[in-house]
């Protein structure tokens, strides 16, 4: 199947410029609020590396230039902390990927309060985690900015945090909106595939696609898929939120990203979570079984 569909699809649709800008702004506080990020989530890496180097130079300048350090001390300490935390998370994710131990390439990290709740034996739902990311964390940033301004008289850092808080909230709202759209499209594709599978007339009338070139053995294998297999492929692709062209690599990446929201181990052992986990397992196994074609 990989030979037939060589180009992997994008895992999650985004508004290219706006999403990147909001992500770069929000990452300066996300590294303080979460840990255990996915390797791909820490992009665009070149932008963050340039920012880190520029801030190191500004830190040195503020330290050695007379009269500058008292004015920008809060910004310098905050920025250097963000740089160090980002690099630590990046190196951790890099080595996990290097040794093929990374399971969440696109994972946005785990919030410390949610981690503490899990350690205490309470497993918050995916909806609670989503609400915390959209409203809770930006609210914490806003409170911190207000406290710095009113209690400590810190102007520069508090101003930056006042800018970050709405950008952070808007970024998470966009992510949630894209996930809703993707799930809706997936549900429609699953429904359409199931209707076609359950309709005998469709199964008998639809012809399997022909191989484009007879001399290509791999293309002939891919062309021998029956109509039912084609529809099943579309259904499983919708479950894994992948779009044409399909690939095993993308299916496994999305599987690892989606399984964390429904697997009984980190979540509650409900019938719905078990059903969703079983469906995702069936979907990824389908793509693994066809990967040789």
Protein backbone atom coordinates (compact mmCIF):
# COMPACT_ATOMS: atom_id res chain seq x y z
CA UNK A 1 0.00 0.00 0.00
CA UNK A 2 2.90 2.37 0.67
CA UNK A 3 4.14 1.84 -2.89
CA UNK A 4 0.71 2.63 -4.25
CA UNK A 5 0.29 5.74 -2.10
CA UNK A 6 3.79 7.14 -1.59
CA UNK A 7 2.98 10.60 -0.20
CA UNK A 8 1.88 10.74 3.45
CA UNK A 9 -0.91 13.10 4.42
CA UNK A 10 -0.69 15.88 6.96
CA UNK A 11 -1.73 14.59 10.40
CA UNK A 12 -3.71 17.66 11.44
CA UNK A 13 -4.84 20.51 9.23
CA UNK A 14 -3.70 23.94 10.29
CA UNK A 15 -3.88 27.56 9.20
CA UNK A 16 -0.22 27.77 8.14
CA UNK A 17 0.85 31.29 9.15
CA UNK A 18 -1.56 31.97 12.01
CA UNK A 19 -1.06 28.59 13.69
CA UNK A 20 2.73 28.89 13.52
CA UNK A 21 2.74 32.41 15.01
CA UNK A 22 0.39 31.47 17.85
CA UNK A 23 2.40 28.33 18.51
CA UNK A 24 5.70 30.24 18.74
CA UNK A 25 4.21 32.79 21.14
CA UNK A 26 2.48 30.20 23.34
CA UNK A 27 5.51 27.90 23.58
CA UNK A 28 7.27 30.45 25.79
CA UNK A 29 4.80 29.57 28.57
CA UNK A 30 3.79 26.04 27.56
CA UNK A 31 7.25 24.76 28.52
CA UNK A 32 6.57 26.01 32.05
CA UNK A 33 3.11 24.42 32.28
CA UNK A 34 3.64 21.00 30.67
CA UNK A 35 6.21 18.26 30.15
CA UNK A 36 6.77 15.17 27.97
CA UNK A 37 6.17 16.76 24.58
CA UNK A 38 6.05 14.92 21.27
CA UNK A 39 9.03 15.50 18.99
CA UNK A 40 7.00 16.99 16.14
CA UNK A 41 5.07 19.26 18.50
CA UNK A 42 8.30 21.15 19.29
CA UNK A 43 8.43 22.63 15.79
CA UNK A 44 9.35 24.93 14.13
CA UNK A 45 12.70 24.08 15.67
CA UNK A 46 14.75 26.52 13.61
CA UNK A 47 12.63 29.43 14.88
CA UNK A 48 13.05 28.38 18.51
CA UNK A 49 16.79 27.85 18.12
CA UNK A 50 17.22 31.33 16.62
CA UNK A 51 15.08 32.79 19.39
CA UNK A 52 17.13 30.95 22.02
CA UNK A 53 20.43 32.21 20.64
CA UNK A 54 19.12 35.78 20.38
CA UNK A 55 17.89 35.68 23.96
CA UNK A 56 21.20 34.34 25.24
CA UNK A 57 22.90 37.32 23.62
CA UNK A 58 20.36 39.70 25.16
CA UNK A 59 20.88 38.08 28.56
CA UNK A 60 24.65 38.63 28.30
CA UNK A 61 24.12 42.20 27.17
CA UNK A 62 21.77 42.95 30.08
CA UNK A 63 24.20 41.40 32.53
CA UNK A 64 27.30 43.34 31.50
CA UNK A 65 25.72 46.67 30.47
CA UNK A 66 25.37 49.09 33.40
CA UNK A 67 21.79 49.95 34.34
CA UNK A 68 20.11 47.44 32.01
CA UNK A 69 19.86 44.41 34.31
CA UNK A 70 17.57 45.97 36.96
CA UNK A 71 15.12 47.01 34.24
CA UNK A 72 14.99 43.71 32.34
CA UNK A 73 15.88 41.23 35.07
CA UNK A 74 12.44 39.59 35.13
CA UNK A 75 12.32 39.19 31.35
CA UNK A 76 15.86 37.78 31.26
CA UNK A 77 15.26 35.18 33.96
CA UNK A 78 11.92 34.18 32.46
CA UNK A 79 13.34 33.92 28.94
CA UNK A 80 16.40 31.91 29.94
CA UNK A 81 14.19 29.54 31.89
CA UNK A 82 12.00 29.05 28.80
CA UNK A 83 15.08 28.42 26.63
CA UNK A 84 16.50 25.83 29.03
CA UNK A 85 13.17 24.03 29.43
CA UNK A 86 12.60 23.96 25.68
CA UNK A 87 16.04 22.51 25.01
CA UNK A 88 15.59 19.85 27.71
CA UNK A 89 12.23 18.80 26.29
CA UNK A 90 13.61 18.84 22.77
CA UNK A 91 16.60 16.65 23.65
CA UNK A 92 14.36 14.22 25.54
CA UNK A 93 11.95 13.90 22.62
CA UNK A 94 14.85 13.65 20.14
CA UNK A 95 16.52 10.72 21.89
CA UNK A 96 13.19 8.94 22.37
CA UNK A 97 12.62 9.22 18.61
CA UNK A 98 16.23 8.25 17.88
CA UNK A 99 15.88 5.01 19.81
CA UNK A 100 12.32 4.45 18.51
CA UNK A 101 10.75 4.88 21.93
CA UNK A 102 8.71 7.95 21.09
CA UNK A 103 5.02 7.09 20.90
CA UNK A 104 3.48 10.55 20.64
CA UNK A 105 5.12 12.58 17.89
CA UNK A 106 2.33 15.17 17.90
CA UNK A 107 1.57 15.03 21.63
CA UNK A 108 1.13 18.51 23.12
CA UNK A 109 2.52 17.56 26.53
CA UNK A 110 0.99 16.72 29.89
CA UNK A 111 -0.08 19.48 32.26
CA UNK A 112 1.33 19.20 35.76
CA UNK A 113 -2.11 19.36 37.51
CA UNK A 114 -3.42 16.55 35.30
CA UNK A 115 -0.30 14.50 36.02
CA UNK A 116 -0.82 14.98 39.76
CA UNK A 117 -4.47 13.93 39.44
CA UNK A 118 -3.43 10.72 37.68
CA UNK A 119 -0.82 9.96 40.32
CA UNK A 120 -3.52 10.44 42.96
CA UNK A 121 -5.68 7.81 41.24
CA UNK A 122 -8.09 10.21 39.51
CA UNK A 123 -8.16 10.02 35.72
CA UNK A 124 -9.60 13.19 34.14
CA UNK A 125 -11.51 12.79 30.91
CA UNK A 126 -10.29 14.04 27.55
CA UNK A 127 -12.94 16.78 27.73
CA UNK A 128 -11.61 17.99 31.08
CA UNK A 129 -8.08 18.06 29.68
CA UNK A 130 -9.29 20.01 26.66
CA UNK A 131 -11.08 22.58 28.85
CA UNK A 132 -8.00 22.93 31.04
CA UNK A 133 -5.83 23.61 27.99
CA UNK A 134 -8.25 26.17 26.55
CA UNK A 135 -9.28 28.04 29.70
CA UNK A 136 -7.25 26.85 32.69
CA UNK A 137 -3.70 27.34 31.47
CA UNK A 138 -4.31 30.73 29.78
CA UNK A 139 -6.09 31.78 32.97
CA UNK A 140 -3.02 30.85 35.02
CA UNK A 141 -0.86 32.96 32.68
CA UNK A 142 -3.26 35.89 33.02
CA UNK A 143 -3.23 35.66 36.81
CA UNK A 144 0.56 35.52 36.83
CA UNK A 145 0.74 38.62 34.64
CA UNK A 146 -1.68 40.48 36.90
CA UNK A 147 0.27 39.50 40.03
CA UNK A 148 3.58 40.61 38.50
CA UNK A 149 2.12 43.96 37.52
CA UNK A 150 0.24 44.76 40.74
CA UNK A 151 2.40 43.13 43.41
CA UNK A 152 5.90 43.45 42.01
CA UNK A 153 5.59 46.34 39.58
CA UNK A 154 7.13 44.26 36.77
CA UNK A 155 6.17 46.02 33.52
CA UNK A 156 8.01 44.22 30.73
CA UNK A 157 7.38 40.62 31.72
CA UNK A 158 3.76 41.24 32.71
CA UNK A 159 3.11 42.95 29.37
CA UNK A 160 4.48 39.94 27.53
CA UNK A 161 2.32 37.55 29.56
CA UNK A 162 -0.76 39.70 28.88
CA UNK A 163 -0.03 39.17 25.17
CA UNK A 164 0.66 35.46 25.54
CA UNK A 165 -2.55 34.59 27.46
CA UNK A 166 -5.08 35.38 24.65
CA UNK A 167 -2.74 33.94 22.00
CA UNK A 168 -2.48 30.74 24.06
CA UNK A 169 -6.28 30.52 24.40
CA UNK A 170 -6.84 31.22 20.69
CA UNK A 171 -4.28 28.58 19.70
CA UNK A 172 -5.98 25.88 21.78
CA UNK A 173 -9.42 26.90 20.46
CA UNK A 174 -8.14 26.53 16.90
CA UNK A 175 -6.71 23.09 17.69
CA UNK A 176 -10.02 22.00 19.20
CA UNK A 177 -11.96 23.33 16.22
CA UNK A 178 -9.73 21.45 13.76
CA UNK A 179 -10.16 18.23 15.76
CA UNK A 180 -13.94 18.63 15.66
CA UNK A 181 -13.85 19.16 11.90
CA UNK A 182 -11.59 16.16 11.38
CA UNK A 183 -13.73 13.88 13.54
CA UNK A 184 -16.88 15.03 11.75
CA UNK A 185 -15.35 14.31 8.36
CA UNK A 186 -14.16 10.94 9.64
CA UNK A 187 -17.60 10.04 10.97
CA UNK A 188 -19.18 10.95 7.63
CA UNK A 189 -16.64 8.83 5.76
CA UNK A 190 -17.24 5.88 8.11
CA UNK A 191 -21.00 6.17 7.69
CA UNK A 192 -20.70 6.35 3.92
CA UNK A 193 -18.36 3.34 3.81
CA UNK A 194 -20.64 1.27 6.06
CA UNK A 195 -23.69 2.11 3.94
CA UNK A 196 -21.88 1.03 0.80
CA UNK A 197 -20.62 -2.17 2.44
CA UNK A 198 -24.11 -3.05 3.66
CA UNK A 199 -25.66 -2.42 0.24
CA UNK A 200 -25.39 -5.56 -1.91
CA UNK A 201 -26.04 -3.67 -5.11
CA UNK A 202 -23.06 -1.44 -4.57
CA UNK A 203 -20.77 -4.38 -3.82
CA UNK A 204 -21.81 -6.17 -6.99
CA UNK A 205 -21.70 -3.17 -9.31
CA UNK A 206 -18.43 -1.58 -8.23
CA UNK A 207 -15.42 -2.89 -10.12
CA UNK A 208 -12.01 -3.12 -8.59
CA UNK A 209 -9.64 -0.47 -9.94
CA UNK A 210 -7.31 -1.56 -12.73
CA UNK A 211 -3.54 -1.44 -12.46
CA UNK A 212 -2.14 1.56 -14.31
CA UNK A 213 0.85 -0.36 -15.73
CA UNK A 214 0.86 -4.10 -16.19
CA UNK A 215 4.62 -4.35 -16.00
CA UNK A 216 4.63 -2.97 -12.45
CA UNK A 217 3.99 -5.93 -10.14
CA UNK A 218 3.38 -3.76 -7.07
CA UNK A 219 0.81 -1.69 -8.91
CA UNK A 220 -0.99 -4.88 -9.96
CA UNK A 221 -1.20 -6.04 -6.34
CA UNK A 222 -2.72 -2.75 -5.23
CA UNK A 223 -5.22 -2.88 -8.08
CA UNK A 224 -6.57 -6.28 -7.01
CA UNK A 225 -8.34 -4.85 -3.94
CA UNK A 226 -12.01 -5.73 -3.93
CA UNK A 227 -14.73 -3.13 -3.54
CA UNK A 228 -15.34 -4.26 0.05
CA UNK A 229 -11.63 -3.89 0.87
CA UNK A 230 -11.56 -0.41 -0.66
CA UNK A 231 -14.53 0.62 1.48
CA UNK A 232 -12.97 -0.96 4.56
CA UNK A 233 -9.77 0.95 3.88
CA UNK A 234 -11.74 4.21 3.75
CA UNK A 235 -13.53 3.37 7.00
CA UNK A 236 -10.31 2.56 8.86
CA UNK A 237 -8.60 5.63 7.40
CA UNK A 238 -11.46 7.75 8.75
CA UNK A 239 -11.06 6.16 12.19
CA UNK A 240 -7.38 7.08 12.17
CA UNK A 241 -8.15 10.56 10.80
CA UNK A 242 -5.93 10.12 7.76
CA UNK A 243 -6.69 11.46 4.32
CA UNK A 244 -5.63 10.25 0.86
CA UNK A 245 -2.98 9.37 -0.03
CA UNK A 246 -2.81 6.81 2.80
CA UNK A 247 0.41 5.42 4.24
CA UNK A 248 1.32 3.03 7.03
CA UNK A 249 3.64 5.60 8.60
CA UNK A 250 0.88 8.19 8.88
CA UNK A 251 -1.63 5.62 10.12
CA UNK A 252 0.69 4.59 12.96
CA UNK A 253 1.47 8.19 13.88
CA UNK A 254 -2.22 9.07 14.13
CA UNK A 255 -2.92 5.83 15.99
CA UNK A 256 -0.41 6.70 18.70
CA UNK A 257 -1.87 10.19 18.94
CA UNK A 258 -5.50 9.05 19.19
CA UNK A 259 -5.07 6.03 21.45
CA UNK A 260 -4.06 8.20 24.42
CA UNK A 261 -7.58 9.68 24.62
CA UNK A 262 -9.41 6.37 24.89
CA UNK A 263 -7.04 3.65 26.10
CA UNK A 264 -8.30 2.23 29.43
CA UNK A 265 -4.89 2.42 31.12
CA UNK A 266 -4.48 6.21 31.37
CA UNK A 267 -8.26 6.78 31.19
CA UNK A 268 -11.28 5.20 32.83
CA UNK A 269 -12.07 1.56 31.97
CA UNK A 270 -15.45 2.27 30.38
CA UNK A 271 -17.23 0.35 27.65
CA UNK A 272 -16.93 3.30 25.27
CA UNK A 273 -13.17 3.60 25.78
CA UNK A 274 -12.73 -0.14 25.23
CA UNK A 275 -14.82 0.04 22.04
CA UNK A 276 -12.83 2.96 20.64
CA UNK A 277 -9.54 1.27 21.55
CA UNK A 278 -10.60 -1.93 19.79
CA UNK A 279 -11.62 0.01 16.67
CA UNK A 280 -8.31 1.86 16.55
CA UNK A 281 -6.40 -1.41 17.00
CA UNK A 282 -8.35 -3.01 14.14
CA UNK A 283 -7.71 0.02 11.93
CA UNK A 284 -3.95 0.14 12.44
CA UNK A 285 -3.65 -3.64 12.05
CA UNK A 286 -5.48 -3.37 8.71
CA UNK A 287 -2.88 -0.91 7.42
CA UNK A 288 -0.02 -2.99 8.82
CA UNK A 289 -1.35 -6.10 7.07
CA UNK A 290 -1.50 -4.27 3.72
CA UNK A 291 1.86 -2.53 4.06
CA UNK A 292 3.59 -5.16 1.88
CA UNK A 293 1.41 -4.37 -1.16
